[in-house]
């Protein structure tokens, strides 16, 4: 089944709009929907960087209250703004992404007696989160699960298992649809073209924040020898205070081996110049950054959190979520990948697994079935 050829009006709501996983996922979804003739309204907080590649005539609504750091007053204003927007535009499908946007959107839909689709890019509660944030998110999920009729799209099996364990009465409304990304013509078998000798280029694509464990990455890189270089990409990685903190662990003669690039729109080109992809995290859903690395034919070293083990198997190494042993495991993996033939082998497996399981077409078709269920009930 594919998304209906009958033009529909869809509202996509995102907590953020920076060049990070969930907003880029929303941007991809919008592109696919627009290409099939549907009308899309984007609702988000921030500057809209993730959506800059979409046609200028796509309606964009900026609501500061969707941001995780917004005040209660701003949050309530966002709920009211969505009630008014959905009342006027009457979208056929309302699809929200990430925790804060989902709370605001689902609350608005309760007042409108509408059913929303909520893509869970990692629950707001669970392992790796702070106890306070987990308790707040859990409480809100209980309330919204009781008063709303939303359907849940979990981006990993791990997310659904956590959701069913904590919110068992909602199990029948939870589906698993793995994230997918389109293949790019430039993403041919790159691993054979990468240098067999010389520097080994590691890349980590992750915005600065509690979720991403840059502190652990700094400790790991400090113990690698001089043939390794590291590129850090993501919002905040070019900030002076972040650089200072990261380099504090690095020997002076190795500091020039770390590159701080900040948020970038040319991630695929940067991946093509790299040898190893690494992502050290405290929690995840199903990271688009790993999918991009797999698409580009890179071996992956990543923390075994959330749905990461649904992406990484024979194409790389999983690192324990326990801080006490994560550093030594990451070092062992990176030293092993100093072997070019192993990097090439795992890179080819990454590329093949991406092609078989994580192309965007399968994701879009699965979402179409969810949309049809929502449409029948509204």
Protein backbone atom coordinates (compact mmCIF):
# COMPACT_ATOMS: atom_id res chain seq x y z
CA UNK A 1 0.00 0.00 0.00
CA UNK A 2 1.21 3.54 -0.74
CA UNK A 3 0.00 6.89 0.46
CA UNK A 4 -3.31 7.67 -1.21
CA UNK A 5 -3.23 9.46 -4.54
CA UNK A 6 -6.19 11.55 -3.33
CA UNK A 7 -4.75 14.86 -2.17
CA UNK A 8 -4.86 15.24 1.59
CA UNK A 9 -4.18 18.06 4.00
CA UNK A 10 -1.63 17.03 6.62
CA UNK A 11 -0.25 18.86 9.64
CA UNK A 12 3.23 17.85 10.83
CA UNK A 13 4.19 19.15 14.27
CA UNK A 14 7.78 19.05 15.58
CA UNK A 15 9.32 20.19 18.86
CA UNK A 16 12.45 21.46 17.11
CA UNK A 17 13.55 22.51 13.65
CA UNK A 18 17.34 22.29 13.87
CA UNK A 19 19.54 19.91 11.89
CA UNK A 20 18.97 16.99 14.26
CA UNK A 21 17.26 13.63 13.95
CA UNK A 22 13.55 14.20 14.54
CA UNK A 23 13.28 17.50 12.57
CA UNK A 24 15.20 15.99 9.65
CA UNK A 25 12.83 13.00 9.78
CA UNK A 26 9.87 15.40 9.59
CA UNK A 27 11.51 17.22 6.68
CA UNK A 28 11.94 13.95 4.79
CA UNK A 29 8.33 12.97 5.48
CA UNK A 30 7.12 16.37 4.25
CA UNK A 31 9.15 15.97 1.04
CA UNK A 32 7.61 12.57 0.36
CA UNK A 33 4.07 13.81 1.03
CA UNK A 34 4.49 16.90 -1.12
CA UNK A 35 5.92 14.81 -3.97
CA UNK A 36 2.67 12.80 -3.95
CA UNK A 37 0.54 15.93 -4.27
CA UNK A 38 -0.49 16.37 -0.64
CA UNK A 39 -0.73 19.68 1.19
CA UNK A 40 1.53 19.97 4.23
CA UNK A 41 1.54 22.47 7.09
CA UNK A 42 4.66 22.47 9.26
CA UNK A 43 4.39 23.57 12.89
CA UNK A 44 7.59 23.89 14.91
CA UNK A 45 9.76 25.98 17.22
CA UNK A 46 13.12 27.45 16.25
CA UNK A 47 14.53 28.88 13.05
CA UNK A 48 13.33 26.17 10.66
CA UNK A 49 16.80 25.14 9.47
CA UNK A 50 15.74 21.52 8.95
CA UNK A 51 12.99 22.62 6.58
CA UNK A 52 14.98 25.09 4.49
CA UNK A 53 15.09 22.68 1.54
CA UNK A 54 11.31 22.44 1.25
CA UNK A 55 9.38 24.56 -1.28
CA UNK A 56 8.87 28.14 -0.06
CA UNK A 57 5.10 27.88 -0.48
CA UNK A 58 4.83 25.16 2.19
CA UNK A 59 2.95 26.71 5.10
CA UNK A 60 5.12 27.14 8.18
CA UNK A 61 3.83 28.05 11.64
CA UNK A 62 6.35 28.87 14.39
CA UNK A 63 5.21 28.24 17.97
CA UNK A 64 7.85 28.92 20.66
CA UNK A 65 5.76 26.92 23.13
CA UNK A 66 6.75 23.68 21.39
CA UNK A 67 10.36 24.05 22.51
CA UNK A 68 11.47 21.94 25.46
CA UNK A 69 12.65 25.03 27.31
CA UNK A 70 9.47 27.06 26.90
CA UNK A 71 7.54 28.40 29.86
CA UNK A 72 4.15 27.14 31.02
CA UNK A 73 2.54 30.28 29.61
CA UNK A 74 4.15 29.70 26.21
CA UNK A 75 3.16 26.03 26.29
CA UNK A 76 -0.49 26.82 26.99
CA UNK A 77 -0.42 29.47 24.26
CA UNK A 78 0.84 26.82 21.86
CA UNK A 79 -2.03 24.49 22.81
CA UNK A 80 -4.53 27.26 22.09
CA UNK A 81 -2.77 28.18 18.84
CA UNK A 82 -3.00 24.57 17.65
CA UNK A 83 -6.68 24.38 18.57
CA UNK A 84 -7.33 27.46 16.45
CA UNK A 85 -5.08 26.31 13.58
CA UNK A 86 -6.63 22.85 13.35
CA UNK A 87 -10.15 24.30 13.64
CA UNK A 88 -9.50 26.56 10.65
CA UNK A 89 -7.44 24.25 8.42
CA UNK A 90 -9.16 20.97 9.34
CA UNK A 91 -6.22 18.70 8.42
CA UNK A 92 -7.03 15.14 7.38
CA UNK A 93 -4.12 13.86 9.47
CA UNK A 94 -2.35 15.45 12.45
CA UNK A 95 1.09 13.91 12.96
CA UNK A 96 3.29 15.04 15.86
CA UNK A 97 6.93 14.22 16.59
CA UNK A 98 9.02 14.19 19.77
CA UNK A 99 7.92 14.51 23.37
CA UNK A 100 7.07 18.19 23.89
CA UNK A 101 5.30 18.65 20.56
CA UNK A 102 3.34 15.47 21.17
CA UNK A 103 2.07 16.64 24.57
CA UNK A 104 0.93 19.98 23.16
CA UNK A 105 -0.59 18.49 20.00
CA UNK A 106 -2.43 15.66 21.72
CA UNK A 107 -3.87 18.01 24.32
CA UNK A 108 -5.18 20.26 21.53
CA UNK A 109 -6.67 17.21 19.82
CA UNK A 110 -8.49 16.21 23.02
CA UNK A 111 -10.33 19.56 22.97
CA UNK A 112 -11.11 19.10 19.26
CA UNK A 113 -12.04 15.43 19.69
CA UNK A 114 -9.48 14.57 17.02
CA UNK A 115 -7.12 11.63 16.79
CA UNK A 116 -3.43 12.36 16.32
CA UNK A 117 -0.52 10.21 15.20
CA UNK A 118 2.48 10.45 17.52
CA UNK A 119 5.88 9.24 16.33
CA UNK A 120 7.92 8.31 19.39
CA UNK A 121 11.54 9.20 18.67
CA UNK A 122 12.44 7.72 22.05
CA UNK A 123 10.07 8.08 25.02
CA UNK A 124 10.47 10.97 27.43
CA UNK A 125 10.91 8.44 30.23
CA UNK A 126 13.09 5.40 30.67
CA UNK A 127 16.76 4.42 30.91
CA UNK A 128 19.29 7.23 30.52
CA UNK A 129 16.86 10.05 31.30
CA UNK A 130 16.98 12.03 34.50
CA UNK A 131 14.64 10.77 37.20
CA UNK A 132 12.70 14.06 37.31
CA UNK A 133 12.17 14.22 33.55
CA UNK A 134 11.14 10.57 33.47
CA UNK A 135 8.54 11.03 36.20
CA UNK A 136 7.06 14.12 34.54
CA UNK A 137 6.95 12.46 31.10
CA UNK A 138 5.49 9.26 32.53
CA UNK A 139 2.75 11.17 34.36
CA UNK A 140 1.80 13.13 31.26
CA UNK A 141 1.76 9.97 29.12
CA UNK A 142 -0.62 8.29 31.59
CA UNK A 143 -3.00 11.25 31.47
CA UNK A 144 -2.89 11.65 27.69
CA UNK A 145 -3.13 7.91 27.18
CA UNK A 146 -6.38 7.91 29.15
CA UNK A 147 -8.02 10.99 27.64
CA UNK A 148 -6.78 10.92 24.02
CA UNK A 149 -7.25 8.40 21.22
CA UNK A 150 -3.84 8.94 19.60
CA UNK A 151 -2.00 6.23 17.71
CA UNK A 152 1.67 5.70 18.52
CA UNK A 153 4.38 5.04 15.95
CA UNK A 154 7.48 3.66 17.67
CA UNK A 155 10.65 4.01 15.60
CA UNK A 156 12.17 0.89 17.14
CA UNK A 157 11.09 -2.41 18.65
CA UNK A 158 12.84 -1.31 21.84
CA UNK A 159 10.62 1.78 22.09
CA UNK A 160 7.45 -0.29 21.66
CA UNK A 161 8.59 -2.82 24.26
CA UNK A 162 9.26 0.00 26.74
CA UNK A 163 5.92 1.62 25.95
CA UNK A 164 3.97 -1.62 26.35
CA UNK A 165 5.76 -2.41 29.60
CA UNK A 166 5.00 0.99 31.12
CA UNK A 167 1.67 1.78 29.41
CA UNK A 168 0.22 -1.70 28.78
CA UNK A 169 -3.36 -0.55 28.11
CA UNK A 170 -2.12 1.31 25.04
CA UNK A 171 -0.44 -1.71 23.40
CA UNK A 172 -3.10 -2.07 20.69
CA UNK A 173 -2.44 1.51 19.58
CA UNK A 174 1.35 1.10 19.29
CA UNK A 175 2.98 0.14 15.99
CA UNK A 176 6.64 -0.16 15.02
CA UNK A 177 7.81 1.66 11.90
CA UNK A 178 11.57 1.90 11.60
CA UNK A 179 12.97 5.20 10.42
CA UNK A 180 14.02 5.20 6.80
CA UNK A 181 15.96 7.59 4.59
CA UNK A 182 16.15 7.81 0.78
CA UNK A 183 19.21 6.57 -1.02
CA UNK A 184 21.37 9.17 -2.68
CA UNK A 185 22.93 8.69 -6.08
CA UNK A 186 26.30 9.59 -4.61
CA UNK A 187 26.09 6.81 -2.02
CA UNK A 188 27.78 4.06 -4.00
CA UNK A 189 30.07 1.47 -2.44
CA UNK A 190 32.51 3.90 -0.86
CA UNK A 191 34.40 1.61 1.46
CA UNK A 192 36.70 0.28 -1.22
CA UNK A 193 37.70 3.85 -2.17
CA UNK A 194 38.74 4.88 1.33
CA UNK A 195 42.45 4.97 2.10
CA UNK A 196 44.01 1.74 3.31
CA UNK A 197 46.92 3.61 4.88
CA UNK A 198 47.43 6.90 6.65
CA UNK A 199 45.09 8.64 9.06
CA UNK A 200 41.94 6.97 10.33
CA UNK A 201 39.11 9.49 10.31
CA UNK A 202 36.41 9.09 12.96
CA UNK A 203 33.22 11.15 12.77
CA UNK A 204 30.51 11.72 15.38
CA UNK A 205 27.34 13.52 14.29
CA UNK A 206 25.44 14.63 17.40
CA UNK A 207 24.18 17.91 18.80
CA UNK A 208 25.56 19.03 22.15
CA UNK A 209 23.29 18.12 25.03
CA UNK A 210 22.77 15.65 27.86
CA UNK A 211 21.57 12.89 25.52
CA UNK A 212 24.85 12.72 23.57
CA UNK A 213 27.87 11.67 25.57
CA UNK A 214 30.62 13.92 24.22
CA UNK A 215 32.41 13.71 27.55
CA UNK A 216 32.92 9.98 27.03
CA UNK A 217 34.02 10.61 23.44
CA UNK A 218 36.66 13.00 24.71
CA UNK A 219 38.01 10.42 27.16
CA UNK A 220 38.12 7.74 24.47
CA UNK A 221 39.87 9.91 21.90
CA UNK A 222 42.47 10.99 24.46
CA UNK A 223 43.65 7.38 24.65
CA UNK A 224 43.93 6.75 20.91
CA UNK A 225 47.25 7.03 19.13
CA UNK A 226 48.30 9.65 16.62
CA UNK A 227 46.92 7.99 13.48
CA UNK A 228 43.32 8.72 14.54
CA UNK A 229 41.55 11.98 13.78
CA UNK A 230 38.11 13.06 14.98
CA UNK A 231 35.44 15.25 13.40
CA UNK A 232 32.56 16.48 15.57
CA UNK A 233 29.42 17.63 13.76
CA UNK A 234 26.20 18.92 15.27
CA UNK A 235 24.63 21.97 16.83
CA UNK A 236 26.88 23.39 19.55
CA UNK A 237 30.05 21.49 18.64
CA UNK A 238 31.67 24.68 17.35
CA UNK A 239 30.97 26.68 20.54
CA UNK A 240 34.10 27.87 22.34
CA UNK A 241 33.03 26.59 25.77
CA UNK A 242 32.29 23.14 24.32
CA UNK A 243 35.67 23.07 22.57
CA UNK A 244 37.49 23.98 25.75
CA UNK A 245 35.71 21.30 27.77
CA UNK A 246 36.26 18.63 25.13
CA UNK A 247 39.95 19.40 24.64
CA UNK A 248 40.64 19.44 28.38
CA UNK A 249 41.01 15.65 28.25
CA UNK A 250 43.15 15.61 25.10
CA UNK A 251 46.96 15.74 25.25
CA UNK A 252 48.26 19.05 23.88
CA UNK A 253 50.02 17.41 20.93
CA UNK A 254 46.77 15.72 19.84
CA UNK A 255 44.37 18.66 20.06
CA UNK A 256 44.91 19.64 16.43
CA UNK A 257 43.53 16.20 15.49
CA UNK A 258 40.02 17.21 16.57
CA UNK A 259 37.81 19.22 14.20
CA UNK A 260 34.74 21.09 15.51
CA UNK A 261 32.31 21.83 12.68
CA UNK A 262 28.99 22.72 14.32
CA UNK A 263 25.68 22.10 12.53
CA UNK A 264 26.18 21.21 8.88
CA UNK A 265 23.94 20.54 5.91
CA UNK A 266 26.62 18.54 4.05
CA UNK A 267 26.79 15.59 6.44
CA UNK A 268 26.81 13.03 3.61
CA UNK A 269 29.91 14.61 2.09
CA UNK A 270 31.61 14.57 5.49
CA UNK A 271 30.70 10.91 5.98
CA UNK A 272 32.17 10.10 2.57
CA UNK A 273 35.52 11.47 3.77
CA UNK A 274 35.42 9.44 7.01
CA UNK A 275 36.43 5.89 7.91
CA UNK A 276 34.47 5.15 11.10
CA UNK A 277 31.18 6.50 12.47
CA UNK A 278 30.73 6.69 16.24
CA UNK A 279 27.74 7.70 18.36
CA UNK A 280 28.04 7.63 22.14
CA UNK A 281 24.69 8.36 23.81
CA UNK A 282 22.81 8.02 27.08
CA UNK A 283 19.52 7.24 25.29
CA UNK A 284 18.21 7.03 21.72
CA UNK A 285 15.21 6.15 19.60
CA UNK A 286 16.46 4.97 16.20
CA UNK A 287 19.18 7.48 15.23
CA UNK A 288 19.06 8.93 11.73
CA UNK A 289 22.76 9.68 12.05
CA UNK A 290 23.52 5.96 12.17
CA UNK A 291 21.25 5.35 9.18
CA UNK A 292 23.13 8.02 7.24
CA UNK A 293 26.42 6.36 8.14
CA UNK A 294 25.09 2.97 7.03
CA UNK A 295 23.86 4.47 3.78
CA UNK A 296 27.35 5.84 3.23
CA UNK A 297 28.98 2.46 3.83
CA UNK A 298 30.67 3.15 7.17
CA UNK A 299 31.31 0.76 10.06
CA UNK A 300 29.47 1.91 13.19
CA UNK A 301 30.51 2.09 16.84
CA UNK A 302 27.56 3.07 19.02
CA UNK A 303 26.14 2.90 22.54
CA UNK A 304 23.74 0.02 23.01
CA UNK A 305 20.73 2.13 24.01
CA UNK A 306 17.19 2.36 22.64
CA UNK A 307 16.87 0.82 19.20
CA UNK A 308 20.57 1.08 18.29
CA UNK A 309 21.01 -2.70 18.40
CA UNK A 310 18.37 -2.93 15.65
CA UNK A 311 20.85 -1.08 13.43
CA UNK A 312 24.25 -2.30 14.59
CA UNK A 313 25.27 -5.96 14.53
CA UNK A 314 27.85 -7.38 12.14
CA UNK A 315 28.39 -3.89 10.69
CA UNK A 316 30.12 -2.56 13.79
CA UNK A 317 30.36 -2.66 17.56
CA UNK A 318 27.85 -2.02 20.32
CA UNK A 319 29.17 -0.24 23.41
CA UNK A 320 27.74 -0.84 26.87
CA UNK A 321 25.51 1.88 28.30
CA UNK A 322 27.38 1.45 31.60
CA UNK A 323 29.90 4.26 31.94
CA UNK A 324 32.25 2.04 33.96
CA UNK A 325 33.05 -0.19 30.97
CA UNK A 326 31.95 1.91 27.98
CA UNK A 327 35.31 3.67 27.62
CA UNK A 328 37.32 0.45 27.40
CA UNK A 329 34.82 -1.14 25.00
CA UNK A 330 34.88 1.90 22.69
CA UNK A 331 38.68 1.87 22.68
CA UNK A 332 38.77 -1.83 21.88
CA UNK A 333 36.34 -1.31 18.98
CA UNK A 334 38.25 1.64 17.51
CA UNK A 335 41.58 -0.17 17.79
CA UNK A 336 40.05 -3.20 16.02
CA UNK A 337 38.77 -0.93 13.25
CA UNK A 338 42.30 0.28 12.70
CA UNK A 339 42.40 -2.66 10.31
CA UNK A 340 41.35 -1.44 6.85
CA UNK A 341 40.02 -4.79 5.68
CA UNK A 342 37.71 -5.04 8.71
CA UNK A 343 36.48 -1.48 8.16
CA UNK A 344 35.74 -2.28 4.53
CA UNK A 345 33.93 -5.51 5.39
CA UNK A 346 31.75 -3.90 8.04
CA UNK A 347 31.12 -0.88 5.83
CA UNK A 348 29.77 -3.11 3.07
CA UNK A 349 27.49 -4.83 5.57
CA UNK A 350 26.23 -1.42 6.74
CA UNK A 351 25.39 -0.40 3.21
CA UNK A 352 23.62 -3.69 2.48
CA UNK A 353 21.58 -3.62 5.68
CA UNK A 354 20.49 -0.07 4.90
CA UNK A 355 19.35 -1.07 1.41
CA UNK A 356 17.45 -4.09 2.68
CA UNK A 357 15.71 -2.60 5.72
CA UNK A 358 15.92 1.16 6.05
CA UNK A 359 15.13 2.79 2.73
CA UNK A 360 12.42 5.46 3.11
CA UNK A 361 9.92 3.75 0.79
CA UNK A 362 9.05 1.07 3.34
CA UNK A 363 8.61 3.69 6.06
CA UNK A 364 6.28 5.81 3.92
CA UNK A 365 4.13 2.81 2.95
CA UNK A 366 3.79 1.74 6.59
CA UNK A 367 2.81 5.27 7.62
CA UNK A 368 0.15 5.28 4.92
CA UNK A 369 -1.57 2.41 6.68
CA UNK A 370 -1.55 4.33 9.96
CA UNK A 371 -2.92 7.41 8.24
CA UNK A 372 -5.75 5.38 6.72
CA UNK A 373 -6.74 4.05 10.17
CA UNK A 374 -6.80 7.56 11.58
CA UNK A 375 -8.82 8.83 8.63
CA UNK A 376 -11.49 6.18 9.07
CA UNK A 377 -12.10 7.24 12.66
CA UNK A 378 -12.24 10.99 12.12
